[in-house]
Amino acid sequence: MPSHVIAASAEFGFSASEMVLTGVLMLACTVLYAIPRTAILGAVLLTGYLGGAVLSNIHVGHPMFECIFPVIFGALAWGGMFVREPRLRELIPFRK
């Protein structure tokens, strides 16, 4: 692990082993998002994961951009899902 990752995890109050588990969870959510059959489940799980990232950044007192960045990433993930998943476009129509 790079030293800046260990320093950042210490700032959040996480140990190095917890960061490995967190990284594995993020990777699993991303893999589910990348597979078309499980993409919606992956997007939902990524949303939860990114919500935790927002909360962690707010709790530590990071600047606003660092708190908003996971929200932007989540919006991009759902935007990509909206473009590639016709069932989602039927569920949330912007125009009829």
Protein backbone atom coordinates (compact mmCIF):
# COMPACT_ATOMS: atom_id res chain seq x y z
CA MET A 1 0.00 0.00 0.00
CA PRO A 2 1.28 3.48 -0.81
CA SER A 3 2.09 5.64 2.20
CA HIS A 4 -0.53 8.29 1.27
CA VAL A 5 -3.26 5.62 1.37
CA ILE A 6 -2.18 4.52 4.85
CA ALA A 7 -2.09 8.15 6.01
CA ALA A 8 -5.55 8.83 4.58
CA SER A 9 -7.01 5.70 6.16
CA ALA A 10 -5.54 6.72 9.52
CA GLU A 11 -7.17 10.14 9.12
CA PHE A 12 -10.53 8.43 8.67
CA GLY A 13 -9.85 6.13 11.62
CA PHE A 14 -9.53 2.93 9.55
CA SER A 15 -6.77 0.37 9.79
CA ALA A 16 -4.89 -0.87 6.73
CA SER A 17 -6.73 -4.20 6.82
CA GLU A 18 -10.08 -2.40 6.86
CA MET A 19 -9.03 -0.42 3.81
CA VAL A 20 -8.22 -3.64 1.96
CA LEU A 21 -11.71 -4.95 2.76
CA THR A 22 -13.21 -1.64 1.66
CA GLY A 23 -11.30 -1.82 -1.62
CA VAL A 24 -12.46 -5.39 -2.23
CA LEU A 25 -16.08 -4.32 -1.61
CA MET A 26 -15.71 -1.42 -4.05
CA LEU A 27 -14.21 -3.75 -6.64
CA ALA A 28 -17.05 -6.26 -6.19
CA CYS A 29 -19.67 -3.51 -6.62
CA THR A 30 -17.88 -2.25 -9.73
CA VAL A 31 -17.73 -5.74 -11.24
CA LEU A 32 -21.47 -6.16 -10.64
CA TYR A 33 -22.04 -2.78 -12.31
CA ALA A 34 -19.95 -3.80 -15.33
CA ILE A 35 -21.88 -7.04 -15.96
CA PRO A 36 -25.06 -6.18 -17.90
CA ARG A 37 -27.21 -8.77 -16.12
CA THR A 38 -26.34 -7.43 -12.64
CA ALA A 39 -25.70 -3.78 -13.53
CA ILE A 40 -28.65 -2.32 -11.65
CA LEU A 41 -27.73 -4.22 -8.47
CA GLY A 42 -24.16 -2.95 -8.89
CA ALA A 43 -25.40 0.62 -9.30
CA VAL A 44 -27.50 0.36 -6.13
CA LEU A 45 -24.57 -1.08 -4.17
CA LEU A 46 -22.20 1.58 -5.55
CA THR A 47 -24.68 4.23 -4.44
CA GLY A 48 -24.61 2.89 -0.89
CA TYR A 49 -20.83 2.67 -0.93
CA LEU A 50 -20.48 6.23 -2.20
CA GLY A 51 -22.95 7.44 0.41
CA GLY A 52 -20.61 6.07 3.04
CA ALA A 53 -17.74 7.92 1.36
CA VAL A 54 -19.69 11.18 1.57
CA LEU A 55 -20.44 10.61 5.25
CA SER A 56 -16.80 9.76 6.01
CA ASN A 57 -15.56 12.91 4.27
CA ILE A 58 -18.08 15.10 6.10
CA HIS A 59 -17.24 13.47 9.43
CA VAL A 60 -13.51 14.13 9.02
CA GLY A 61 -14.17 17.72 7.89
CA HIS A 62 -12.79 17.61 4.37
CA PRO A 63 -13.45 20.49 1.96
CA MET A 64 -16.74 20.60 0.08
CA PHE A 65 -15.37 19.23 -3.22
CA GLU A 66 -14.05 16.11 -1.52
CA CYS A 67 -17.47 15.61 0.05
CA ILE A 68 -19.33 16.17 -3.24
CA PHE A 69 -16.99 14.12 -5.47
CA PRO A 70 -18.60 10.75 -4.56
CA VAL A 71 -22.01 12.26 -5.36
CA ILE A 72 -20.74 13.33 -8.79
CA PHE A 73 -19.29 9.87 -9.38
CA GLY A 74 -22.59 8.25 -8.37
CA ALA A 75 -24.54 10.56 -10.69
CA LEU A 76 -22.24 9.57 -13.55
CA ALA A 77 -22.73 5.89 -12.74
CA TRP A 78 -26.51 6.28 -12.79
CA GLY A 79 -26.31 8.39 -15.94
CA GLY A 80 -24.42 5.57 -17.64
CA MET A 81 -26.99 3.11 -16.37
CA PHE A 82 -29.82 5.27 -17.67
CA VAL A 83 -28.26 5.38 -21.13
CA ARG A 84 -27.62 1.64 -21.42
CA GLU A 85 -30.66 0.18 -19.63
CA PRO A 86 -34.02 0.57 -21.40
CA ARG A 87 -35.95 -0.77 -18.39
CA LEU A 88 -34.65 2.10 -16.29
CA ARG A 89 -35.70 4.62 -18.96
CA GLU A 90 -39.21 3.13 -18.83
CA LEU A 91 -39.23 3.41 -15.04
CA ILE A 92 -38.04 7.04 -15.05
CA PRO A 93 -39.21 8.69 -18.26
CA PHE A 94 -38.04 12.26 -18.80
CA ARG A 95 -40.59 12.82 -21.55
CA LYS A 96 -43.41 10.84 -23.04
